[in-house]
C-alpha atoms as a PDB file:
ATOM      1  CA  MET A   1      44.988  13.913  60.226  1.00  0.00           C
ATOM      2  CA  ASN A   2      48.293  12.099  59.894  1.00  0.00           C
ATOM      3  CA  ASP A   3      51.514  13.655  58.660  1.00  0.00           C
ATOM      4  CA  LEU A   4      51.613  12.070  55.199  1.00  0.00           C
ATOM      5  CA  THR A   5      52.641  14.492  52.446  1.00  0.00           C
ATOM      6  CA  PHE A   6      51.243  14.887  48.962  1.00  0.00           C
ATOM      7  CA  GLU A   7      54.246  12.917  47.666  1.00  0.00           C
ATOM      8  CA  ASP A   8      53.587  10.069  50.126  1.00  0.00           C
ATOM      9  CA  TYR A   9      50.041   9.690  48.860  1.00  0.00           C
ATOM     10  CA  LYS A  10      51.195   9.983  45.243  1.00  0.00           C
ATOM     11  CA  ILE A  11      53.685   7.153  45.737  1.00  0.00           C
ATOM     12  CA  MET A  12      50.861   4.971  47.088  1.00  0.00           C
ATOM     13  CA  VAL A  13      48.846   5.726  43.943  1.00  0.00           C
ATOM     14  CA  GLU A  14      51.750   5.019  41.587  1.00  0.00           C
ATOM     15  CA  GLU A  15      52.476   1.709  43.336  1.00  0.00           C
ATOM     16  CA  HIS A  16      48.892   0.479  42.996  1.00  0.00           C
ATOM     17  CA  ILE A  17      47.529   2.305  39.946  1.00  0.00           C
ATOM     18  CA  THR A  18      47.266  -0.857  37.790  1.00  0.00           C
ATOM     19  CA  ASP A  19      46.423  -3.277  40.630  1.00  0.00           C
ATOM     20  CA  PHE A  20      42.671  -2.893  40.141  1.00  0.00           C
ATOM     21  CA  MET A  21      42.661  -3.277  36.376  1.00  0.00           C
ATOM     22  CA  PRO A  22      41.137  -6.691  35.571  1.00  0.00           C
ATOM     23  CA  ASP A  23      42.842  -9.462  33.673  1.00  0.00           C
ATOM     24  CA  VAL A  24      41.801  -9.528  30.049  1.00  0.00           C
ATOM     25  CA  ASP A  25      41.612 -12.204  27.418  1.00  0.00           C
ATOM     26  CA  GLN A  26      44.686 -12.245  25.169  1.00  0.00           C
ATOM     27  CA  LYS A  27      42.387 -11.751  22.196  1.00  0.00           C
ATOM     28  CA  SER A  28      41.666  -8.231  23.464  1.00  0.00           C
ATOM     29  CA  ILE A  29      45.143  -7.462  24.803  1.00  0.00           C
ATOM     30  CA  THR A  30      45.429  -4.337  22.640  1.00  0.00           C
ATOM     31  CA  LEU A  31      42.630  -2.768  24.682  1.00  0.00           C
ATOM     32  CA  TYR A  32      44.487  -3.490  27.927  1.00  0.00           C
ATOM     33  CA  GLU A  33      47.767  -2.131  26.565  1.00  0.00           C
ATOM     34  CA  ALA A  34      46.071   1.111  25.429  1.00  0.00           C
ATOM     35  CA  MET A  35      44.400   1.547  28.799  1.00  0.00           C
ATOM     36  CA  LYS A  36      47.622   0.900  30.672  1.00  0.00           C
ATOM     37  CA  TYR A  37      49.590   3.227  28.393  1.00  0.00           C
ATOM     38  CA  SER A  38      47.631   6.276  29.502  1.00  0.00           C
ATOM     39  CA  VAL A  39      47.150   5.207  33.127  1.00  0.00           C
ATOM     40  CA  GLN A  40      50.913   4.806  33.537  1.00  0.00           C
ATOM     41  CA  ALA A  41      51.803   8.020  31.702  1.00  0.00           C
ATOM     42  CA  GLY A  42      52.284   9.846  34.973  1.00  0.00           C
ATOM     43  CA  GLY A  43      50.638  13.135  35.814  1.00  0.00           C
ATOM     44  CA  LYS A  44      50.104  15.011  39.046  1.00  0.00           C
ATOM     45  CA  ARG A  45      47.608  12.457  40.499  1.00  0.00           C
ATOM     46  CA  ILE A  46      45.822  15.306  42.254  1.00  0.00           C
ATOM     47  CA  ARG A  47      42.411  13.648  42.357  1.00  0.00           C
ATOM     48  CA  PRO A  48      43.425  10.328  43.929  1.00  0.00           C
ATOM     49  CA  VAL A  49      45.721  12.087  46.379  1.00  0.00           C
ATOM     50  CA  LEU A  50      42.923  14.434  47.437  1.00  0.00           C
ATOM     51  CA  LEU A  51      40.566  11.501  47.863  1.00  0.00           C
ATOM     52  CA  MET A  52      42.924   9.592  50.158  1.00  0.00           C
ATOM     53  CA  ALA A  53      43.960  12.709  52.065  1.00  0.00           C
ATOM     54  CA  ALA A  54      40.314  13.631  52.661  1.00  0.00           C
ATOM     55  CA  CYS A  55      39.637  10.131  53.935  1.00  0.00           C
ATOM     56  CA  ASP A  56      42.496  10.432  56.433  1.00  0.00           C
ATOM     57  CA  PHE A  57      41.424  13.972  57.346  1.00  0.00           C
ATOM     58  CA  CYS A  58      37.986  12.692  58.325  1.00  0.00           C
ATOM     59  CA  GLY A  59      39.240   9.792  60.407  1.00  0.00           C
ATOM     60  CA  GLY A  60      39.452   6.990  57.848  1.00  0.00           C
ATOM     61  CA  ARG A  61      42.405   5.073  56.456  1.00  0.00           C
ATOM     62  CA  ALA A  62      43.972   5.931  53.113  1.00  0.00           C
ATOM     63  CA  ALA A  63      44.718   2.301  52.322  1.00  0.00           C
ATOM     64  CA  GLU A  64      41.006   1.452  52.406  1.00  0.00           C
ATOM     65  CA  ALA A  65      40.331   4.358  50.032  1.00  0.00           C
ATOM     66  CA  LEU A  66      42.779   3.121  47.380  1.00  0.00           C
ATOM     67  CA  PRO A  67      40.160   1.399  45.166  1.00  0.00           C
ATOM     68  CA  TYR A  68      38.223   4.653  44.959  1.00  0.00           C
ATOM     69  CA  ALA A  69      41.374   6.712  44.456  1.00  0.00           C
ATOM     70  CA  CYS A  70      42.412   4.537  41.533  1.00  0.00           C
ATOM     71  CA  ALA A  71      38.874   4.530  40.182  1.00  0.00           C
ATOM     72  CA  ILE A  72      38.740   8.312  40.015  1.00  0.00           C
ATOM     73  CA  GLU A  73      42.114   8.377  38.306  1.00  0.00           C
ATOM     74  CA  TYR A  74      40.843   5.856  35.743  1.00  0.00           C
ATOM     75  CA  ILE A  75      37.912   8.173  35.071  1.00  0.00           C
ATOM     76  CA  HIS A  76      40.170  11.221  34.803  1.00  0.00           C
ATOM     77  CA  THR A  77      42.476   9.355  32.416  1.00  0.00           C
ATOM     78  CA  TYR A  78      39.567   8.225  30.237  1.00  0.00           C
ATOM     79  CA  SER A  79      38.426  11.835  29.992  1.00  0.00           C
ATOM     80  CA  LEU A  80      41.904  12.911  28.854  1.00  0.00           C
ATOM     81  CA  ILE A  81      42.061  10.184  26.197  1.00  0.00           C
ATOM     82  CA  HIS A  82      38.723  11.281  24.788  1.00  0.00           C
ATOM     83  CA  ASP A  83      39.531  14.997  25.181  1.00  0.00           C
ATOM     84  CA  ASP A  84      42.662  14.535  23.045  1.00  0.00           C
ATOM     85  CA  LEU A  85      40.816  12.871  20.157  1.00  0.00           C
ATOM     86  CA  PRO A  86      40.628  14.703  16.807  1.00  0.00           C
ATOM     87  CA  CYS A  87      36.848  15.054  17.187  1.00  0.00           C
ATOM     88  CA  MET A  88      37.406  17.047  20.392  1.00  0.00           C
ATOM     89  CA  ASP A  89      40.611  18.972  21.223  1.00  0.00           C
ATOM     90  CA  ASP A  90      42.836  17.085  18.768  1.00  0.00           C
ATOM     91  CA  ASP A  91      46.052  17.107  20.810  1.00  0.00           C
ATOM     92  CA  ASP A  92      49.207  15.192  19.903  1.00  0.00           C
ATOM     93  CA  MET A  93      50.980  15.304  23.294  1.00  0.00           C
ATOM     94  CA  ARG A  94      49.855  14.572  26.830  1.00  0.00           C
ATOM     95  CA  ARG A  95      52.119  14.391  29.913  1.00  0.00           C
ATOM     96  CA  GLY A  96      55.161  14.634  27.639  1.00  0.00           C
ATOM     97  CA  MET A  97      54.121  11.539  25.603  1.00  0.00           C
ATOM     98  CA  PRO A  98      52.208  11.030  22.354  1.00  0.00           C
ATOM     99  CA  THR A  99      48.484  10.957  23.050  1.00  0.00           C
ATOM    100  CA  ASN A 100      46.702   7.608  23.069  1.00  0.00           C
ATOM    101  CA  HIS A 101      45.206   7.896  19.586  1.00  0.00           C
ATOM    102  CA  LYS A 102      48.605   8.790  18.127  1.00  0.00           C
ATOM    103  CA  VAL A 103      49.947   5.460  19.380  1.00  0.00           C
ATOM    104  CA  PHE A 104      46.962   3.130  19.032  1.00  0.00           C
ATOM    105  CA  GLY A 105      44.668   4.894  16.593  1.00  0.00           C
ATOM    106  CA  GLU A 106      41.384   6.713  17.165  1.00  0.00           C
ATOM    107  CA  ALA A 107      39.156   3.646  17.433  1.00  0.00           C
ATOM    108  CA  VAL A 108      41.321   1.884  20.019  1.00  0.00           C
ATOM    109  CA  ALA A 109      41.797   5.121  21.977  1.00  0.00           C
ATOM    110  CA  THR A 110      38.025   5.605  22.119  1.00  0.00           C
ATOM    111  CA  LEU A 111      37.584   2.071  23.414  1.00  0.00           C
ATOM    112  CA  ALA A 112      40.451   2.509  25.919  1.00  0.00           C
ATOM    113  CA  GLY A 113      38.591   5.448  27.404  1.00  0.00           C
ATOM    114  CA  ASP A 114      35.396   3.428  27.502  1.00  0.00           C
ATOM    115  CA  GLY A 115      37.242   0.579  29.160  1.00  0.00           C
ATOM    116  CA  LEU A 116      38.766   2.750  31.860  1.00  0.00           C
ATOM    117  CA  GLN A 117      35.369   4.202  32.694  1.00  0.00           C
ATOM    118  CA  SER A 118      33.792   0.789  33.105  1.00  0.00           C
ATOM    119  CA  VAL A 119      36.768  -0.499  35.107  1.00  0.00           C
ATOM    120  CA  ALA A 120      36.365   2.419  37.530  1.00  0.00           C
ATOM    121  CA  TYR A 121      32.792   1.381  38.306  1.00  0.00           C
ATOM    122  CA  GLU A 122      33.771  -2.292  38.554  1.00  0.00           C
ATOM    123  CA  VAL A 123      36.553  -1.479  41.037  1.00  0.00           C
ATOM    124  CA  MET A 124      34.217   0.415  43.362  1.00  0.00           C
ATOM    125  CA  GLN A 125      31.445  -2.171  43.200  1.00  0.00           C
ATOM    126  CA  LYS A 126      33.837  -5.040  43.890  1.00  0.00           C
ATOM    127  CA  ASP A 127      35.047  -3.207  46.975  1.00  0.00           C
ATOM    128  CA  MET A 128      31.462  -2.741  48.206  1.00  0.00           C
ATOM    129  CA  LEU A 129      30.914  -6.514  47.994  1.00  0.00           C
ATOM    130  CA  LEU A 130      33.449  -6.928  50.806  1.00  0.00           C
ATOM    131  CA  TYR A 131      31.298  -4.967  53.284  1.00  0.00           C
ATOM    132  CA  PHE A 132      27.869  -6.584  53.171  1.00  0.00           C
ATOM    133  CA  ASP A 133      28.275  -7.614  56.817  1.00  0.00           C
ATOM    134  CA  ASP A 134      29.105  -4.032  57.851  1.00  0.00           C
ATOM    135  CA  PRO A 135      26.161  -1.775  56.871  1.00  0.00           C
ATOM    136  CA  GLU A 136      27.783   1.466  57.987  1.00  0.00           C
ATOM    137  CA  ALA A 137      31.013   0.804  56.080  1.00  0.00           C
ATOM    138  CA  LEU A 138      28.989  -0.241  53.037  1.00  0.00           C
ATOM    139  CA  LYS A 139      26.895   2.908  53.248  1.00  0.00           C
ATOM    140  CA  ARG A 140      30.036   5.077  53.279  1.00  0.00           C
ATOM    141  CA  ARG A 141      31.297   3.323  50.152  1.00  0.00           C
ATOM    142  CA  VAL A 142      28.026   3.667  48.301  1.00  0.00           C
ATOM    143  CA  LYS A 143      28.002   7.397  49.078  1.00  0.00           C
ATOM    144  CA  ALA A 144      31.611   7.743  47.965  1.00  0.00           C
ATOM    145  CA  ALA A 145      30.944   5.956  44.666  1.00  0.00           C
ATOM    146  CA  LEU A 146      27.890   8.142  44.057  1.00  0.00           C
ATOM    147  CA  GLU A 147      30.027  11.286  44.531  1.00  0.00           C
ATOM    148  CA  ILE A 148      32.439  10.040  41.887  1.00  0.00           C
ATOM    149  CA  VAL A 149      29.747   9.009  39.435  1.00  0.00           C
ATOM    150  CA  LYS A 150      27.918  12.350  39.816  1.00  0.00           C
ATOM    151  CA  GLY A 151      31.089  14.402  39.495  1.00  0.00           C
ATOM    152  CA  SER A 152      32.085  12.625  36.279  1.00  0.00           C
ATOM    153  CA  GLY A 153      28.642  12.376  34.726  1.00  0.00           C
ATOM    154  CA  VAL A 154      26.009  14.323  32.819  1.00  0.00           C
ATOM    155  CA  LYS A 155      25.650  16.972  35.517  1.00  0.00           C
ATOM    156  CA  GLY A 156      29.405  17.153  36.064  1.00  0.00           C
ATOM    157  CA  MET A 157      32.444  16.585  33.860  1.00  0.00           C
ATOM    158  CA  VAL A 158      30.547  15.408  30.767  1.00  0.00           C
ATOM    159  CA  ALA A 159      28.190  18.398  30.946  1.00  0.00           C
ATOM    160  CA  GLY A 160      31.205  20.712  31.113  1.00  0.00           C
ATOM    161  CA  GLN A 161      32.827  19.005  28.162  1.00  0.00           C
ATOM    162  CA  ILE A 162      29.864  19.526  25.860  1.00  0.00           C
ATOM    163  CA  ALA A 163      29.365  23.122  26.995  1.00  0.00           C
ATOM    164  CA  ASP A 164      33.057  23.747  26.360  1.00  0.00           C
ATOM    165  CA  MET A 165      32.845  22.320  22.841  1.00  0.00           C
ATOM    166  CA  GLU A 166      29.718  24.282  21.958  1.00  0.00           C
ATOM    167  CA  ALA A 167      31.324  27.507  23.226  1.00  0.00           C
ATOM    168  CA  GLU A 168      34.196  27.354  20.721  1.00  0.00           C
ATOM    169  CA  ASN A 169      34.290  30.296  18.307  1.00  0.00           C
ATOM    170  CA  LYS A 170      31.504  32.046  20.226  1.00  0.00           C
ATOM    171  CA  SER A 171      31.163  35.022  22.537  1.00  0.00           C
ATOM    172  CA  VAL A 172      30.766  33.575  26.030  1.00  0.00           C
ATOM    173  CA  SER A 173      29.477  35.268  29.189  1.00  0.00           C
ATOM    174  CA  LYS A 174      31.431  35.096  32.452  1.00  0.00           C
ATOM    175  CA  GLU A 175      28.591  33.082  33.941  1.00  0.00           C
ATOM    176  CA  LEU A 176      28.770  30.447  31.192  1.00  0.00           C
ATOM    177  CA  LEU A 177      32.560  30.383  31.440  1.00  0.00           C
ATOM    178  CA  ASP A 178      32.310  29.579  35.157  1.00  0.00           C
ATOM    179  CA  TYR A 179      29.675  26.903  34.481  1.00  0.00           C
ATOM    180  CA  ILE A 180      31.916  25.229  31.887  1.00  0.00           C
ATOM    181  CA  HIS A 181      34.883  24.997  34.179  1.00  0.00           C
ATOM    182  CA  LEU A 182      33.038  24.293  37.401  1.00  0.00           C
ATOM    183  CA  THR A 183      31.581  21.245  35.713  1.00  0.00           C
ATOM    184  CA  LYS A 184      34.349  20.229  33.327  1.00  0.00           C
ATOM    185  CA  THR A 185      37.230  20.560  35.796  1.00  0.00           C
ATOM    186  CA  ALA A 186      36.121  21.421  39.308  1.00  0.00           C
ATOM    187  CA  ASP A 187      33.378  18.822  39.715  1.00  0.00           C
ATOM    188  CA  LEU A 188      35.769  15.873  39.530  1.00  0.00           C
ATOM    189  CA  ILE A 189      38.049  17.533  42.107  1.00  0.00           C
ATOM    190  CA  VAL A 190      35.038  18.159  44.321  1.00  0.00           C
ATOM    191  CA  ALA A 191      34.013  14.533  43.820  1.00  0.00           C
ATOM    192  CA  ALA A 192      37.475  13.333  44.884  1.00  0.00           C
ATOM    193  CA  ILE A 193      37.374  15.238  48.142  1.00  0.00           C
ATOM    194  CA  ARG A 194      33.754  14.468  48.942  1.00  0.00           C
ATOM    195  CA  ALA A 195      34.239  10.769  48.136  1.00  0.00           C
ATOM    196  CA  GLY A 196      37.269  10.601  50.416  1.00  0.00           C
ATOM    197  CA  ALA A 197      35.391  12.442  53.133  1.00  0.00           C
ATOM    198  CA  ARG A 198      32.462  10.028  52.814  1.00  0.00           C
ATOM    199  CA  LEU A 199      34.809   7.069  53.160  1.00  0.00           C
ATOM    200  CA  GLY A 200      36.297   8.634  56.288  1.00  0.00           C
ATOM    201  CA  GLY A 201      32.890   9.123  57.906  1.00  0.00           C
ATOM    202  CA  CYS A 202      32.956  12.906  57.662  1.00  0.00           C
ATOM    203  CA  ASN A 203      30.404  15.039  59.533  1.00  0.00           C
ATOM    204  CA  GLU A 204      28.282  17.569  57.620  1.00  0.00           C
ATOM    205  CA  HIS A 205      30.124  20.650  58.885  1.00  0.00           C
ATOM    206  CA  ASP A 206      33.526  19.374  57.766  1.00  0.00           C
ATOM    207  CA  LEU A 207      32.062  18.080  54.499  1.00  0.00           C
ATOM    208  CA  GLU A 208      30.691  21.521  53.683  1.00  0.00           C
ATOM    209  CA  ASN A 209      34.046  23.214  54.390  1.00  0.00           C
ATOM    210  CA  LEU A 210      35.915  20.635  52.328  1.00  0.00           C
ATOM    211  CA  THR A 211      33.438  21.133  49.473  1.00  0.00           C
ATOM    212  CA  VAL A 212      33.953  24.904  49.471  1.00  0.00           C
ATOM    213  CA  PHE A 213      37.708  24.312  49.443  1.00  0.00           C
ATOM    214  CA  ALA A 214      37.393  21.872  46.570  1.00  0.00           C
ATOM    215  CA  GLU A 215      35.187  24.115  44.450  1.00  0.00           C
ATOM    216  CA  ASN A 216      37.627  26.982  44.729  1.00  0.00           C
ATOM    217  CA  LEU A 217      40.632  24.739  44.203  1.00  0.00           C
ATOM    218  CA  GLY A 218      39.045  23.159  41.110  1.00  0.00           C
ATOM    219  CA  LEU A 219      38.274  26.515  39.519  1.00  0.00           C
ATOM    220  CA  ALA A 220      41.738  27.834  40.457  1.00  0.00           C
ATOM    221  CA  PHE A 221      43.230  24.778  38.776  1.00  0.00           C
ATOM    222  CA  GLN A 222      41.444  25.645  35.518  1.00  0.00           C
ATOM    223  CA  VAL A 223      42.305  29.345  35.650  1.00  0.00           C
ATOM    224  CA  CYS A 224      45.931  28.395  36.212  1.00  0.00           C
ATOM    225  CA  ASP A 225      45.835  25.936  33.312  1.00  0.00           C
ATOM    226  CA  ASP A 226      44.314  28.573  31.030  1.00  0.00           C
ATOM    227  CA  ILE A 227      47.012  31.085  31.930  1.00  0.00           C
ATOM    228  CA  LEU A 228      49.768  28.527  31.364  1.00  0.00           C
ATOM    229  CA  ASP A 229      48.353  27.756  27.944  1.00  0.00           C
ATOM    230  CA  VAL A 230      49.117  31.371  27.086  1.00  0.00           C
ATOM    231  CA  GLU A 231      52.485  31.889  28.758  1.00  0.00           C
ATOM    232  CA  GLY A 232      53.626  28.447  29.939  1.00  0.00           C
ATOM    233  CA  ASP A 233      56.496  26.277  28.707  1.00  0.00           C
ATOM    234  CA  ALA A 234      55.232  23.379  26.564  1.00  0.00           C
ATOM    235  CA  GLU A 235      58.224  21.211  27.495  1.00  0.00           C
ATOM    236  CA  ILE A 236      57.618  21.656  31.212  1.00  0.00           C
ATOM    237  CA  MET A 237      53.856  21.184  30.876  1.00  0.00           C
ATOM    238  CA  GLY A 238      54.219  18.080  28.718  1.00  0.00           C
ATOM    239  CA  LYS A 239      51.635  19.284  26.193  1.00  0.00           C
ATOM    240  CA  GLN A 240      51.230  21.863  23.459  1.00  0.00           C
ATOM    241  CA  THR A 241      50.548  25.462  24.489  1.00  0.00           C
ATOM    242  CA  GLY A 242      48.668  28.170  22.622  1.00  0.00           C
ATOM    243  CA  MET A 243      45.996  25.698  21.574  1.00  0.00           C
ATOM    244  CA  ASP A 244      43.138  27.447  23.380  1.00  0.00           C
ATOM    245  CA  ALA A 245      43.546  30.689  21.463  1.00  0.00           C
ATOM    246  CA  GLU A 246      44.051  28.821  18.160  1.00  0.00           C
ATOM    247  CA  LYS A 247      40.736  27.017  18.649  1.00  0.00           C
ATOM    248  CA  MET A 248      39.018  30.107  20.104  1.00  0.00           C
ATOM    249  CA  LYS A 249      38.034  28.249  23.251  1.00  0.00           C
ATOM    250  CA  ALA A 250      36.249  29.809  26.207  1.00  0.00           C
ATOM    251  CA  THR A 251      39.076  30.502  28.662  1.00  0.00           C
ATOM    252  CA  TYR A 252      39.695  32.962  31.485  1.00  0.00           C
ATOM    253  CA  PRO A 253      42.434  34.906  29.664  1.00  0.00           C
ATOM    254  CA  ALA A 254      40.163  35.185  26.614  1.00  0.00           C
ATOM    255  CA  ILE A 255      37.283  36.610  28.677  1.00  0.00           C
ATOM    256  CA  TYR A 256      39.059  38.406  31.527  1.00  0.00           C
ATOM    257  CA  GLY A 257      42.533  39.083  30.114  1.00  0.00           C
ATOM    258  CA  LEU A 258      45.761  37.784  31.695  1.00  0.00           C
ATOM    259  CA  ASP A 259      46.045  40.316  34.532  1.00  0.00           C
ATOM    260  CA  GLU A 260      42.496  39.870  35.749  1.00  0.00           C
ATOM    261  CA  SER A 261      42.802  36.094  35.370  1.00  0.00           C
ATOM    262  CA  LYS A 262      45.800  36.167  37.651  1.00  0.00           C
ATOM    263  CA  GLU A 263      43.857  38.220  40.195  1.00  0.00           C
ATOM    264  CA  LYS A 264      41.022  35.687  39.951  1.00  0.00           C
ATOM    265  CA  LEU A 265      43.480  32.849  40.595  1.00  0.00           C
ATOM    266  CA  LYS A 266      44.759  34.698  43.676  1.00  0.00           C
ATOM    267  CA  GLN A 267      41.221  35.233  45.016  1.00  0.00           C
ATOM    268  CA  LEU A 268      40.190  31.626  44.421  1.00  0.00           C
ATOM    269  CA  THR A 269      43.335  30.452  46.227  1.00  0.00           C
ATOM    270  CA  GLU A 270      42.515  32.682  49.194  1.00  0.00           C
ATOM    271  CA  ASN A 271      38.947  31.382  49.238  1.00  0.00           C
ATOM    272  CA  ALA A 272      40.198  27.797  49.261  1.00  0.00           C
ATOM    273  CA  VAL A 273      42.657  28.431  52.090  1.00  0.00           C
ATOM    274  CA  ASN A 274      40.105  30.344  54.147  1.00  0.00           C
ATOM    275  CA  ALA A 275      37.591  27.504  53.853  1.00  0.00           C
ATOM    276  CA  LEU A 276      39.879  25.324  55.971  1.00  0.00           C
ATOM    277  CA  ALA A 277      41.281  27.991  58.283  1.00  0.00           C
ATOM    278  CA  GLU A 278      39.631  26.525  61.397  1.00  0.00           C
ATOM    279  CA  TYR A 279      41.589  23.273  61.046  1.00  0.00           C
ATOM    280  CA  TYR A 280      45.018  24.899  61.276  1.00  0.00           C
ATOM    281  CA  ASP A 281      47.873  22.391  60.715  1.00  0.00           C
ATOM    282  CA  ASN A 282      45.460  19.501  60.195  1.00  0.00           C
ATOM    283  CA  ALA A 283      44.625  20.938  56.776  1.00  0.00           C
ATOM    284  CA  GLU A 284      48.254  21.635  55.840  1.00  0.00           C
ATOM    285  CA  LEU A 285      48.321  19.302  52.820  1.00  0.00           C
ATOM    286  CA  PHE A 286      45.224  20.906  51.283  1.00  0.00           C
ATOM    287  CA  VAL A 287      46.384  24.456  51.959  1.00  0.00           C
ATOM    288  CA  LYS A 288      49.876  23.803  50.606  1.00  0.00           C
ATOM    289  CA  LEU A 289      48.445  22.276  47.448  1.00  0.00           C
ATOM    290  CA  ALA A 290      46.313  25.344  46.774  1.00  0.00           C
ATOM    291  CA  GLN A 291      49.204  27.691  47.420  1.00  0.00           C
ATOM    292  CA  ASP A 292      51.653  25.655  45.332  1.00  0.00           C
ATOM    293  CA  LEU A 293      49.191  25.683  42.439  1.00  0.00           C
ATOM    294  CA  ALA A 294      49.034  29.476  42.508  1.00  0.00           C
ATOM    295  CA  THR A 295      52.834  29.788  42.481  1.00  0.00           C
ATOM    296  CA  ARG A 296      53.003  28.022  39.096  1.00  0.00           C
ATOM    297  CA  ILE A 297      52.141  31.434  37.661  1.00  0.00           C
ATOM    298  CA  SER A 298      55.073  33.853  37.798  1.00  0.00           C
END
């Protein structure tokens, strides 16, 4: 693996995040502006960074993974636009800015999410068209795209979203809580790493270790987010806090309590780090990300 840092990869994403969005007819320019508004709103860019870093880790080139990195960020952004809608979580702020529907209205925001999802698939398929004379490279790209589609679909993120909504105002088991957040949050993080690994030509042993890392990182990310909703600073987080309790959502603090949730975060972080222990410094970016995530909780 090369010595690029998380910030190096993030800069690559920021420089190219709108490059793959297609030109639109001026008669539908509002759709484009709404899509671009949320895509350019910033954020941690964890999923595209993980995708490119995994590609490098497995012997590929991050630059060739950029279409897939941007595609997964388009999908993530569409999910946030829809998640913020009044019919779902009804949030007014995202990444320190008014949410999409607050700026463009609910109908346009819904279509902006739809548009970003379709653009993500278009980006990946256009990239595949470039490799018809290289069957192995094409196969890697098909596998990478499938990882992303599965992670964001009806057995992944969308499944988690509906389970999360149906769990509001109900008593939820720990097993169901884990299912909600493994699918709603972790599956897209797993998809990012597995897609990047596929693009890099990863072997099955390394793919399995990266998957275990990603599953634990994804769940740790959600536990951390749940804790910060209770005791985090809304200004720093760029979104309203205390919303989970107000809506009686299924969260780790609600089921486990804050102290046990923090212990769970610690254990998930250790699991993630241990999954990549055999790679030593070659896995430094992944390990540091997991550790930095855990330190967001005081």
